[in-house]
Amino acid sequence: MDAARLPSWAKVWPEISIWDRATKLLTIYAQGGTTLDIFSKREGPRAEDVKAKRMISENMPVIRKLADQISNGGFTQMRQQQAERNKEPQAEGKLIFDMKARATVDEPEPYVKVSLNNRVVLADRKSARQLAMIGEIRGNFLSRKLFLATRENGFISPLDEELLGCIAQLEGVEINTDYTEEELVVTLEQLLGLTPDSS
């Protein structure tokens, strides 16, 4: 047997070792004429295990009958109860409610809102979802101005051209006691056609 083909753990022995690949048997001839056989773990199930499983499966009706006799019918009753528990629920004669929220396809009802962090957004009144970012009020208590959502103002997702065209005149408008946030909201909604024009 070629020493290079021996398992690594077989090479550490100082005696002569012979490795049989077919039977996974390592025979060691030690000094003094004694031999030592080491059986390595085989791949796949052992032949004894395969035979035992086959014998059990072939004799399963007899095993079930004996189990019923010993348990006075309890074995079959237990298996029936387990099958009942694993059965899928039937819709016949039962009311089944889907607790998931119903997906609505209603038209959005947009309105303009100034959030607590000074962002001016177009939101849906029904779902409270943000539809578009209009801009942001920047500055301090001395001077606050509206900056529209454009790339020039540092916004990653700028307004589309149509929306921007409607409200471009409000770029840089100053928000103060003379022109409040509430008035800005009314002006934006009028320019975007969200409220009837009072003029």
N, C-alpha and C. Protein backbone atom coordinates (compact mmCIF):
# COMPACT_ATOMS: atom_id res chain seq x y z
N MET A 1 0.87 -1.20 0.00
CA MET A 1 0.00 0.00 0.00
C MET A 1 0.90 1.23 0.00
N ASP A 2 0.60 2.18 -0.89
CA ASP A 2 1.36 3.41 -1.00
C ASP A 2 1.14 4.25 0.26
N ALA A 3 2.23 4.70 0.90
CA ALA A 3 2.14 5.47 2.15
C ALA A 3 1.42 6.80 1.94
N ALA A 4 1.52 7.36 0.73
CA ALA A 4 0.88 8.65 0.45
C ALA A 4 -0.64 8.53 0.48
N ARG A 5 -1.19 7.31 0.26
CA ARG A 5 -2.64 7.11 0.23
C ARG A 5 -3.21 6.76 1.59
N LEU A 6 -2.35 6.58 2.58
CA LEU A 6 -2.82 6.28 3.93
C LEU A 6 -3.44 7.52 4.56
N PRO A 7 -4.43 7.36 5.45
CA PRO A 7 -4.94 8.52 6.18
C PRO A 7 -3.83 9.13 7.03
N SER A 8 -3.94 10.43 7.29
CA SER A 8 -2.88 11.13 8.02
C SER A 8 -2.65 10.53 9.39
N TRP A 9 -3.72 10.06 10.06
CA TRP A 9 -3.54 9.52 11.40
C TRP A 9 -2.86 8.16 11.38
N ALA A 10 -2.81 7.51 10.19
CA ALA A 10 -2.16 6.20 10.11
C ALA A 10 -0.65 6.32 9.99
N LYS A 11 -0.17 7.51 9.59
CA LYS A 11 1.27 7.66 9.34
C LYS A 11 2.06 7.93 10.62
N VAL A 12 1.36 8.23 11.70
CA VAL A 12 2.09 8.57 12.92
C VAL A 12 2.59 7.34 13.65
N TRP A 13 2.10 6.17 13.26
CA TRP A 13 2.53 4.95 13.94
C TRP A 13 3.90 4.52 13.43
N PRO A 14 4.79 4.09 14.34
CA PRO A 14 6.12 3.68 13.89
C PRO A 14 6.13 2.27 13.28
N GLU A 15 5.05 1.51 13.51
CA GLU A 15 5.00 0.15 12.99
C GLU A 15 4.50 0.17 11.55
N ILE A 16 4.37 -1.00 10.96
CA ILE A 16 3.89 -1.12 9.59
C ILE A 16 2.37 -1.06 9.61
N SER A 17 1.78 -0.21 8.73
CA SER A 17 0.33 -0.07 8.66
C SER A 17 -0.14 -0.41 7.26
N ILE A 18 -1.25 -1.11 7.16
CA ILE A 18 -1.85 -1.41 5.86
C ILE A 18 -3.29 -0.93 5.89
N TRP A 19 -3.64 -0.10 4.95
CA TRP A 19 -4.98 0.51 4.86
C TRP A 19 -5.74 -0.11 3.71
N ASP A 20 -6.88 -0.72 4.02
CA ASP A 20 -7.73 -1.32 2.99
C ASP A 20 -8.89 -0.37 2.74
N ARG A 21 -8.92 0.24 1.57
CA ARG A 21 -9.93 1.25 1.26
C ARG A 21 -11.33 0.67 1.17
N ALA A 22 -11.46 -0.52 0.65
CA ALA A 22 -12.77 -1.12 0.43
C ALA A 22 -13.48 -1.38 1.75
N THR A 23 -12.76 -1.93 2.72
CA THR A 23 -13.39 -2.28 4.00
C THR A 23 -13.17 -1.22 5.05
N LYS A 24 -12.39 -0.16 4.74
CA LYS A 24 -12.04 0.89 5.70
C LYS A 24 -11.37 0.28 6.93
N LEU A 25 -10.47 -0.67 6.67
CA LEU A 25 -9.80 -1.37 7.76
C LEU A 25 -8.33 -1.01 7.75
N LEU A 26 -7.83 -0.60 8.89
CA LEU A 26 -6.41 -0.32 9.06
C LEU A 26 -5.82 -1.42 9.92
N THR A 27 -4.89 -2.17 9.35
CA THR A 27 -4.23 -3.24 10.10
C THR A 27 -2.83 -2.77 10.44
N ILE A 28 -2.50 -2.83 11.72
CA ILE A 28 -1.19 -2.39 12.19
C ILE A 28 -0.43 -3.62 12.69
N TYR A 29 0.74 -3.81 12.10
CA TYR A 29 1.62 -4.90 12.54
C TYR A 29 2.65 -4.29 13.47
N ALA A 30 2.45 -4.53 14.77
CA ALA A 30 3.34 -3.95 15.77
C ALA A 30 4.55 -4.84 15.98
N GLN A 31 5.55 -4.29 16.66
CA GLN A 31 6.74 -5.06 16.98
C GLN A 31 6.36 -6.20 17.91
N GLY A 32 6.96 -7.32 17.71
CA GLY A 32 6.66 -8.48 18.53
C GLY A 32 5.61 -9.38 17.90
N GLY A 33 5.16 -9.04 16.70
CA GLY A 33 4.25 -9.91 15.97
C GLY A 33 2.78 -9.72 16.28
N THR A 34 2.42 -8.77 17.15
CA THR A 34 0.99 -8.55 17.43
C THR A 34 0.38 -7.66 16.35
N THR A 35 -0.89 -7.89 16.09
CA THR A 35 -1.60 -7.06 15.09
C THR A 35 -2.78 -6.36 15.76
N LEU A 36 -3.09 -5.21 15.21
CA LEU A 36 -4.20 -4.42 15.73
C LEU A 36 -5.05 -3.96 14.55
N ASP A 37 -6.34 -4.31 14.56
CA ASP A 37 -7.24 -3.91 13.48
C ASP A 37 -8.10 -2.73 13.96
N ILE A 38 -8.13 -1.66 13.16
CA ILE A 38 -8.94 -0.48 13.47
C ILE A 38 -9.92 -0.28 12.32
N PHE A 39 -11.21 -0.31 12.64
CA PHE A 39 -12.23 -0.10 11.62
C PHE A 39 -12.60 1.38 11.60
N SER A 40 -12.50 2.00 10.44
CA SER A 40 -12.86 3.41 10.30
C SER A 40 -14.36 3.51 10.04
N LYS A 41 -14.93 4.72 10.30
CA LYS A 41 -16.37 4.94 10.07
C LYS A 41 -16.66 4.87 8.57
N ARG A 42 -17.70 4.13 8.23
CA ARG A 42 -18.06 3.99 6.82
C ARG A 42 -18.93 5.15 6.39
N GLU A 43 -18.97 5.36 5.06
CA GLU A 43 -19.87 6.37 4.52
C GLU A 43 -21.25 5.75 4.36
N GLY A 44 -22.27 6.55 4.65
CA GLY A 44 -23.64 6.07 4.52
C GLY A 44 -24.06 5.25 5.71
N PRO A 45 -25.31 4.75 5.70
CA PRO A 45 -25.80 3.96 6.83
C PRO A 45 -25.14 2.59 6.90
N ARG A 46 -25.05 2.07 8.11
CA ARG A 46 -24.48 0.73 8.27
C ARG A 46 -25.45 -0.31 7.74
N ALA A 47 -24.91 -1.44 7.30
CA ALA A 47 -25.75 -2.50 6.74
C ALA A 47 -26.74 -3.02 7.78
N GLU A 48 -26.31 -3.07 9.06
CA GLU A 48 -27.20 -3.56 10.12
C GLU A 48 -28.40 -2.61 10.29
N ASP A 49 -28.12 -1.30 10.20
CA ASP A 49 -29.20 -0.31 10.34
C ASP A 49 -30.22 -0.42 9.21
N VAL A 50 -29.72 -0.62 8.00
CA VAL A 50 -30.61 -0.76 6.83
C VAL A 50 -31.50 -1.97 6.99
N LYS A 51 -30.90 -3.08 7.44
CA LYS A 51 -31.69 -4.32 7.64
C LYS A 51 -32.74 -4.12 8.71
N ALA A 52 -32.37 -3.45 9.81
CA ALA A 52 -33.31 -3.24 10.92
C ALA A 52 -34.48 -2.37 10.48
N LYS A 53 -34.20 -1.29 9.73
CA LYS A 53 -35.27 -0.41 9.25
C LYS A 53 -36.20 -1.15 8.31
N ARG A 54 -35.62 -1.97 7.42
CA ARG A 54 -36.44 -2.73 6.47
C ARG A 54 -37.33 -3.72 7.22
N MET A 55 -36.78 -4.39 8.23
CA MET A 55 -37.55 -5.36 9.00
C MET A 55 -38.70 -4.68 9.74
N ILE A 56 -38.43 -3.49 10.32
CA ILE A 56 -39.48 -2.76 11.04
C ILE A 56 -40.58 -2.33 10.08
N SER A 57 -40.21 -1.80 8.91
CA SER A 57 -41.23 -1.32 7.96
C SER A 57 -42.06 -2.48 7.40
N GLU A 58 -41.43 -3.65 7.20
CA GLU A 58 -42.17 -4.80 6.68
C GLU A 58 -43.13 -5.35 7.73
N ASN A 59 -42.79 -5.23 9.00
CA ASN A 59 -43.61 -5.78 10.07
C ASN A 59 -44.44 -4.72 10.79
N MET A 60 -44.62 -3.56 10.19
CA MET A 60 -45.34 -2.47 10.84
C MET A 60 -46.78 -2.83 11.18
N PRO A 61 -47.53 -3.55 10.32
CA PRO A 61 -48.90 -3.92 10.71
C PRO A 61 -48.94 -4.76 11.99
N VAL A 62 -48.00 -5.67 12.13
CA VAL A 62 -47.95 -6.52 13.33
C VAL A 62 -47.58 -5.68 14.55
N ILE A 63 -46.64 -4.74 14.37
CA ILE A 63 -46.20 -3.87 15.48
C ILE A 63 -47.37 -3.00 15.95
N ARG A 64 -48.16 -2.46 14.99
CA ARG A 64 -49.32 -1.63 15.35
C ARG A 64 -50.36 -2.45 16.10
N LYS A 65 -50.58 -3.69 15.63
CA LYS A 65 -51.57 -4.55 16.28
C LYS A 65 -51.15 -4.87 17.72
N LEU A 66 -49.87 -5.15 17.91
CA LEU A 66 -49.36 -5.43 19.26
C LEU A 66 -49.46 -4.18 20.15
N ALA A 67 -49.13 -3.01 19.59
CA ALA A 67 -49.20 -1.78 20.35
C ALA A 67 -50.63 -1.49 20.78
N ASP A 68 -51.61 -1.80 19.90
CA ASP A 68 -53.02 -1.62 20.26
C ASP A 68 -53.45 -2.59 21.36
N GLN A 69 -52.96 -3.82 21.28
CA GLN A 69 -53.32 -4.81 22.31
C GLN A 69 -52.75 -4.40 23.67
N ILE A 70 -51.51 -3.93 23.68
CA ILE A 70 -50.86 -3.54 24.94
C ILE A 70 -51.52 -2.31 25.53
N SER A 71 -51.86 -1.32 24.66
CA SER A 71 -52.42 -0.05 25.16
C SER A 71 -53.94 -0.03 25.17
N ASN A 72 -54.56 -1.19 24.89
CA ASN A 72 -56.02 -1.30 24.88
C ASN A 72 -56.64 -0.30 23.89
N GLY A 73 -56.07 -0.21 22.69
CA GLY A 73 -56.57 0.67 21.63
C GLY A 73 -56.06 2.09 21.71
N GLY A 74 -55.22 2.38 22.69
CA GLY A 74 -54.73 3.75 22.87
C GLY A 74 -53.79 4.21 21.77
N PHE A 75 -53.04 3.27 21.18
CA PHE A 75 -52.06 3.63 20.14
C PHE A 75 -52.78 4.18 18.91
N THR A 76 -53.82 3.48 18.44
CA THR A 76 -54.57 3.94 17.26
C THR A 76 -55.29 5.25 17.56
N GLN A 77 -55.85 5.35 18.77
CA GLN A 77 -56.55 6.57 19.16
C GLN A 77 -55.59 7.77 19.18
N MET A 78 -54.38 7.57 19.68
CA MET A 78 -53.38 8.64 19.71
C MET A 78 -53.00 9.09 18.29
N ARG A 79 -52.85 8.12 17.38
CA ARG A 79 -52.49 8.45 15.99
C ARG A 79 -53.62 9.21 15.30
N GLN A 80 -54.88 8.85 15.60
CA GLN A 80 -56.02 9.55 15.01
C GLN A 80 -56.11 10.99 15.52
N GLN A 81 -55.88 11.17 16.82
CA GLN A 81 -55.89 12.53 17.39
C GLN A 81 -54.79 13.39 16.78
N GLN A 82 -53.63 12.79 16.57
CA GLN A 82 -52.51 13.53 15.96
C GLN A 82 -52.84 13.92 14.52
N ALA A 83 -53.50 13.02 13.79
CA ALA A 83 -53.89 13.32 12.40
C ALA A 83 -54.92 14.45 12.37
N GLU A 84 -55.85 14.46 13.36
CA GLU A 84 -56.85 15.53 13.44
C GLU A 84 -56.19 16.89 13.68
N ARG A 85 -55.19 16.90 14.57
CA ARG A 85 -54.50 18.17 14.88
C ARG A 85 -53.73 18.70 13.67
N ASN A 86 -53.20 17.80 12.86
CA ASN A 86 -52.39 18.22 11.70
C ASN A 86 -53.23 18.56 10.48
N LYS A 87 -54.54 18.29 10.55
CA LYS A 87 -55.41 18.52 9.40
C LYS A 87 -55.60 20.01 9.16
N GLU A 88 -55.63 20.43 7.89
CA GLU A 88 -55.87 21.82 7.52
C GLU A 88 -57.31 22.20 7.85
N PRO A 89 -57.56 23.44 8.32
CA PRO A 89 -58.94 23.84 8.63
C PRO A 89 -59.79 23.91 7.37
N GLN A 90 -61.01 23.41 7.47
CA GLN A 90 -61.94 23.40 6.35
C GLN A 90 -62.79 24.67 6.38
N ALA A 91 -63.06 25.24 5.22
CA ALA A 91 -63.83 26.48 5.13
C ALA A 91 -65.33 26.25 5.23
N GLU A 92 -65.78 25.00 5.04
CA GLU A 92 -67.21 24.73 5.03
C GLU A 92 -67.81 24.93 6.43
N GLY A 93 -68.88 25.71 6.50
CA GLY A 93 -69.58 25.90 7.75
C GLY A 93 -68.87 26.78 8.76
N LYS A 94 -67.76 27.39 8.36
CA LYS A 94 -67.00 28.24 9.27
C LYS A 94 -66.84 29.61 8.66
N LEU A 95 -66.78 30.62 9.51
CA LEU A 95 -66.50 31.98 9.05
C LEU A 95 -65.03 32.26 9.24
N ILE A 96 -64.36 32.60 8.16
CA ILE A 96 -62.93 32.89 8.22
C ILE A 96 -62.74 34.36 7.89
N PHE A 97 -62.10 35.07 8.81
CA PHE A 97 -61.87 36.50 8.64
C PHE A 97 -60.42 36.74 8.30
N ASP A 98 -60.18 37.56 7.30
CA ASP A 98 -58.82 37.98 6.97
C ASP A 98 -58.53 39.25 7.76
N MET A 99 -57.59 39.16 8.70
CA MET A 99 -57.31 40.29 9.59
C MET A 99 -56.35 41.31 8.97
N LYS A 100 -55.86 41.04 7.78
CA LYS A 100 -54.96 41.99 7.13
C LYS A 100 -55.73 43.22 6.68
N ALA A 101 -55.04 44.34 6.67
CA ALA A 101 -55.69 45.59 6.25
C ALA A 101 -56.04 45.49 4.76
N ARG A 102 -57.21 45.96 4.43
CA ARG A 102 -57.66 45.90 3.04
C ARG A 102 -56.90 46.92 2.20
N ALA A 103 -56.39 46.44 1.09
CA ALA A 103 -55.66 47.35 0.19
C ALA A 103 -56.68 48.23 -0.52
N THR A 104 -56.52 49.51 -0.36
CA THR A 104 -57.47 50.44 -0.98
C THR A 104 -56.85 51.05 -2.24
N VAL A 105 -57.69 51.30 -3.18
CA VAL A 105 -57.23 51.92 -4.42
C VAL A 105 -57.89 53.30 -4.57
N ASP A 106 -58.23 53.90 -3.42
CA ASP A 106 -58.87 55.22 -3.45
C ASP A 106 -57.89 56.26 -3.98
N GLU A 107 -58.46 57.27 -4.59
CA GLU A 107 -57.65 58.39 -5.06
C GLU A 107 -57.08 59.14 -3.86
N PRO A 108 -55.79 59.53 -3.91
CA PRO A 108 -55.24 60.27 -2.79
C PRO A 108 -55.87 61.66 -2.67
N GLU A 109 -55.87 62.14 -1.44
CA GLU A 109 -56.40 63.48 -1.16
C GLU A 109 -55.22 64.33 -0.66
N PRO A 110 -54.48 64.96 -1.59
CA PRO A 110 -53.25 65.67 -1.20
C PRO A 110 -53.52 66.97 -0.47
N TYR A 111 -52.59 67.27 0.44
CA TYR A 111 -52.60 68.55 1.15
C TYR A 111 -51.16 68.90 1.51
N VAL A 112 -50.89 70.18 1.77
CA VAL A 112 -49.54 70.64 2.11
C VAL A 112 -49.42 70.70 3.62
N LYS A 113 -48.26 70.26 4.11
CA LYS A 113 -48.04 70.19 5.55
C LYS A 113 -46.61 70.62 5.86
N VAL A 114 -46.45 71.42 6.93
CA VAL A 114 -45.12 71.78 7.43
C VAL A 114 -44.89 70.93 8.67
N SER A 115 -43.88 70.05 8.62
CA SER A 115 -43.63 69.14 9.75
C SER A 115 -42.83 69.85 10.85
N LEU A 116 -42.68 69.16 11.98
CA LEU A 116 -41.97 69.74 13.12
C LEU A 116 -40.50 70.03 12.83
N ASN A 117 -39.92 69.27 11.88
CA ASN A 117 -38.52 69.51 11.54
C ASN A 117 -38.38 70.44 10.33
N ASN A 118 -39.42 71.28 10.11
CA ASN A 118 -39.41 72.34 9.09
C ASN A 118 -39.40 71.83 7.66
N ARG A 119 -39.79 70.60 7.44
CA ARG A 119 -39.90 70.09 6.06
C ARG A 119 -41.30 70.39 5.55
N VAL A 120 -41.36 70.85 4.32
CA VAL A 120 -42.64 71.15 3.69
C VAL A 120 -42.93 70.01 2.71
N VAL A 121 -44.03 69.29 2.97
CA VAL A 121 -44.30 68.09 2.17
C VAL A 121 -45.72 68.12 1.62
N LEU A 122 -45.91 67.34 0.56
CA LEU A 122 -47.24 67.10 0.01
C LEU A 122 -47.62 65.71 0.49
N ALA A 123 -48.68 65.61 1.31
CA ALA A 123 -49.08 64.34 1.91
C ALA A 123 -50.50 63.98 1.52
N ASP A 124 -50.85 62.70 1.75
CA ASP A 124 -52.20 62.21 1.48
C ASP A 124 -52.99 62.27 2.78
N ARG A 125 -54.13 62.95 2.76
CA ARG A 125 -54.94 63.12 3.97
C ARG A 125 -55.53 61.79 4.45
N LYS A 126 -55.82 60.86 3.53
CA LYS A 126 -56.46 59.59 3.88
C LYS A 126 -55.46 58.61 4.52
N SER A 127 -54.29 58.47 3.92
CA SER A 127 -53.33 57.47 4.41
C SER A 127 -52.21 58.09 5.24
N ALA A 128 -52.09 59.41 5.24
CA ALA A 128 -51.02 60.15 5.95
C ALA A 128 -49.64 59.85 5.36
N ARG A 129 -49.59 59.32 4.16
CA ARG A 129 -48.32 59.04 3.50
C ARG A 129 -47.82 60.28 2.77
N GLN A 130 -46.50 60.42 2.73
CA GLN A 130 -45.90 61.54 2.01
C GLN A 130 -45.92 61.25 0.52
N LEU A 131 -46.43 62.18 -0.25
CA LEU A 131 -46.49 62.02 -1.70
C LEU A 131 -45.28 62.67 -2.39
N ALA A 132 -44.85 63.82 -1.88
CA ALA A 132 -43.70 64.51 -2.47
C ALA A 132 -43.09 65.46 -1.44
N MET A 133 -41.79 65.65 -1.57
CA MET A 133 -41.08 66.61 -0.72
C MET A 133 -41.05 67.93 -1.48
N ILE A 134 -41.67 68.97 -0.91
CA ILE A 134 -41.73 70.28 -1.58
C ILE A 134 -40.48 71.08 -1.29
N GLY A 135 -40.04 71.07 -0.06
CA GLY A 135 -38.86 71.84 0.31
C GLY A 135 -38.64 71.85 1.80
N GLU A 136 -37.88 72.83 2.26
CA GLU A 136 -37.54 72.91 3.68
C GLU A 136 -37.39 74.37 4.08
N ILE A 137 -37.85 74.70 5.28
CA ILE A 137 -37.67 76.05 5.82
C ILE A 137 -36.36 76.04 6.61
N ARG A 138 -35.40 76.84 6.16
CA ARG A 138 -34.08 76.84 6.80
C ARG A 138 -33.80 78.22 7.40
N GLY A 139 -32.93 78.20 8.39
CA GLY A 139 -32.53 79.46 9.02
C GLY A 139 -32.69 79.37 10.52
N ASN A 140 -32.64 80.55 11.18
CA ASN A 140 -32.80 80.61 12.63
C ASN A 140 -33.97 81.53 12.97
N PHE A 141 -34.11 81.85 14.24
CA PHE A 141 -35.26 82.67 14.65
C PHE A 141 -35.22 84.08 14.06
N LEU A 142 -34.03 84.54 13.61
CA LEU A 142 -33.93 85.88 13.02
C LEU A 142 -34.41 85.89 11.57
N SER A 143 -34.03 84.86 10.82
CA SER A 143 -34.37 84.83 9.40
C SER A 143 -34.59 83.38 8.96
N ARG A 144 -35.82 83.09 8.49
CA ARG A 144 -36.16 81.75 8.01
C ARG A 144 -36.70 81.86 6.58
N LYS A 145 -36.17 81.03 5.69
CA LYS A 145 -36.59 81.08 4.28
C LYS A 145 -36.96 79.70 3.78
N LEU A 146 -37.81 79.65 2.75
CA LEU A 146 -38.21 78.40 2.12
C LEU A 146 -37.21 78.07 1.00
N PHE A 147 -36.66 76.86 1.05
CA PHE A 147 -35.79 76.36 0.00
C PHE A 147 -36.51 75.18 -0.65
N LEU A 148 -36.81 75.32 -1.93
CA LEU A 148 -37.53 74.27 -2.64
C LEU A 148 -36.61 73.06 -2.87
N ALA A 149 -37.23 71.89 -3.05
CA ALA A 149 -36.48 70.64 -3.21
C ALA A 149 -35.89 70.55 -4.61
N THR A 150 -34.69 71.12 -4.75
CA THR A 150 -33.95 71.06 -6.02
C THR A 150 -32.54 70.54 -5.74
N ARG A 151 -31.86 70.10 -6.79
CA ARG A 151 -30.48 69.62 -6.61
C ARG A 151 -29.57 70.77 -6.16
N GLU A 152 -29.84 71.97 -6.65
CA GLU A 152 -29.04 73.13 -6.27
C GLU A 152 -29.13 73.40 -4.77
N ASN A 153 -30.26 73.07 -4.17
CA ASN A 153 -30.44 73.28 -2.73
C ASN A 153 -30.01 72.06 -1.90
N GLY A 154 -29.44 71.05 -2.56
CA GLY A 154 -28.88 69.90 -1.85
C GLY A 154 -29.85 68.75 -1.61
N PHE A 155 -30.96 68.70 -2.34
CA PHE A 155 -31.92 67.60 -2.17
C PHE A 155 -31.56 66.45 -3.11
N ILE A 156 -31.58 65.24 -2.59
CA ILE A 156 -31.24 64.06 -3.40
C ILE A 156 -32.35 63.75 -4.39
N SER A 157 -33.61 63.85 -3.93
CA SER A 157 -34.76 63.59 -4.82
C SER A 157 -35.47 64.91 -5.09
N PRO A 158 -35.12 65.59 -6.16
CA PRO A 158 -35.73 66.90 -6.43
C PRO A 158 -37.17 66.78 -6.92
N LEU A 159 -37.89 67.89 -6.83
CA LEU A 159 -39.26 67.96 -7.35
C LEU A 159 -39.25 67.76 -8.86
N ASP A 160 -40.34 67.18 -9.38
CA ASP A 160 -40.40 67.08 -10.85
C ASP A 160 -40.68 68.46 -11.44
N GLU A 161 -40.37 68.60 -12.70
CA GLU A 161 -40.41 69.90 -13.37
C GLU A 161 -41.79 70.55 -13.32
N GLU A 162 -42.85 69.76 -13.45
CA GLU A 162 -44.21 70.31 -13.47
C GLU A 162 -44.56 70.95 -12.12
N LEU A 163 -44.27 70.23 -11.02
CA LEU A 163 -44.54 70.79 -9.69
C LEU A 163 -43.68 72.02 -9.43
N LEU A 164 -42.41 71.91 -9.80
CA LEU A 164 -41.49 73.01 -9.56
C LEU A 164 -41.92 74.26 -10.32
N GLY A 165 -42.42 74.08 -11.55
CA GLY A 165 -42.89 75.21 -12.34
C GLY A 165 -44.05 75.95 -11.68
N CYS A 166 -44.89 75.20 -10.95
CA CYS A 166 -46.06 75.81 -10.29
C CYS A 166 -45.68 76.67 -9.09
N ILE A 167 -44.60 76.28 -8.39
CA ILE A 167 -44.28 76.95 -7.12
C ILE A 167 -42.92 77.63 -7.11
N ALA A 168 -42.28 77.74 -8.27
CA ALA A 168 -40.92 78.30 -8.34
C ALA A 168 -40.83 79.71 -7.77
N GLN A 169 -41.92 80.49 -7.84
CA GLN A 169 -41.91 81.87 -7.35
C GLN A 169 -41.74 81.95 -5.83
N LEU A 170 -41.94 80.83 -5.12
CA LEU A 170 -41.81 80.84 -3.66
C LEU A 170 -40.40 80.51 -3.18
N GLU A 171 -39.49 80.26 -4.10
CA GLU A 171 -38.10 79.95 -3.71
C GLU A 171 -37.52 81.15 -2.95
N GLY A 172 -37.03 80.89 -1.73
CA GLY A 172 -36.39 81.92 -0.93
C GLY A 172 -37.33 82.87 -0.22
N VAL A 173 -38.65 82.58 -0.26
CA VAL A 173 -39.59 83.47 0.42
C VAL A 173 -39.32 83.42 1.93
N GLU A 174 -39.38 84.59 2.57
CA GLU A 174 -39.06 84.68 3.99
C GLU A 174 -40.29 84.39 4.82
N ILE A 175 -40.09 83.55 5.85
CA ILE A 175 -41.17 83.18 6.78
C ILE A 175 -40.95 83.97 8.06
N ASN A 176 -41.92 84.83 8.40
CA ASN A 176 -41.81 85.66 9.61
C ASN A 176 -43.21 85.98 10.11
N THR A 177 -43.30 86.99 10.95
CA THR A 177 -44.63 87.34 11.49
C THR A 177 -45.55 87.92 10.42
N ASP A 178 -44.95 88.52 9.38
CA ASP A 178 -45.77 89.09 8.30
C ASP A 178 -46.27 88.01 7.34
N TYR A 179 -45.49 86.92 7.19
CA TYR A 179 -45.87 85.82 6.29
C TYR A 179 -45.57 84.52 7.03
N THR A 180 -46.58 83.93 7.64
CA THR A 180 -46.40 82.78 8.52
C THR A 180 -46.40 81.45 7.75
N GLU A 181 -46.12 80.38 8.49
CA GLU A 181 -46.14 79.03 7.89
C GLU A 181 -47.53 78.68 7.40
N GLU A 182 -48.56 79.08 8.16
CA GLU A 182 -49.94 78.79 7.77
C GLU A 182 -50.29 79.47 6.44
N GLU A 183 -49.81 80.71 6.28
CA GLU A 183 -50.06 81.42 5.02
C GLU A 183 -49.29 80.77 3.88
N LEU A 184 -48.09 80.27 4.17
CA LEU A 184 -47.30 79.57 3.15
C LEU A 184 -48.05 78.33 2.68
N VAL A 185 -48.64 77.59 3.62
CA VAL A 185 -49.40 76.38 3.27
C VAL A 185 -50.58 76.73 2.37
N VAL A 186 -51.30 77.79 2.71
CA VAL A 186 -52.46 78.21 1.90
C VAL A 186 -52.01 78.59 0.49
N THR A 187 -50.89 79.35 0.40
CA THR A 187 -50.37 79.77 -0.92
C THR A 187 -49.96 78.57 -1.75
N LEU A 188 -49.26 77.63 -1.14
CA LEU A 188 -48.81 76.43 -1.87
C LEU A 188 -50.01 75.62 -2.37
N GLU A 189 -51.03 75.46 -1.53
CA GLU A 189 -52.20 74.68 -1.95
C GLU A 189 -52.95 75.37 -3.09
N GLN A 190 -52.96 76.71 -3.08
CA GLN A 190 -53.61 77.44 -4.18
C GLN A 190 -52.81 77.29 -5.47
N LEU A 191 -51.48 77.42 -5.37
CA LEU A 191 -50.63 77.30 -6.56
C LEU A 191 -50.66 75.88 -7.15
N LEU A 192 -50.83 74.90 -6.29
CA LEU A 192 -50.86 73.50 -6.77
C LEU A 192 -52.27 73.06 -7.16
N GLY A 193 -53.25 73.97 -6.98
CA GLY A 193 -54.62 73.65 -7.38
C GLY A 193 -55.32 72.71 -6.42
N LEU A 194 -54.90 72.70 -5.16
CA LEU A 194 -55.52 71.81 -4.17
C LEU A 194 -56.72 72.46 -3.51
N THR A 195 -56.80 73.76 -3.55
CA THR A 195 -57.97 74.46 -3.00
C THR A 195 -58.49 75.42 -4.06
N PRO A 196 -59.78 75.70 -4.07
CA PRO A 196 -60.31 76.64 -5.06
C PRO A 196 -59.71 78.04 -4.87
N ASP A 197 -59.34 78.67 -5.98
CA ASP A 197 -58.73 79.99 -5.92
C ASP A 197 -59.77 81.01 -5.47
N SER A 198 -59.46 81.74 -4.38
CA SER A 198 -60.42 82.70 -3.83
C SER A 198 -60.41 84.03 -4.56
N SER A 199 -59.48 84.26 -5.45
CA SER A 199 -59.42 85.56 -6.16
C SER A 199 -60.41 85.63 -7.29
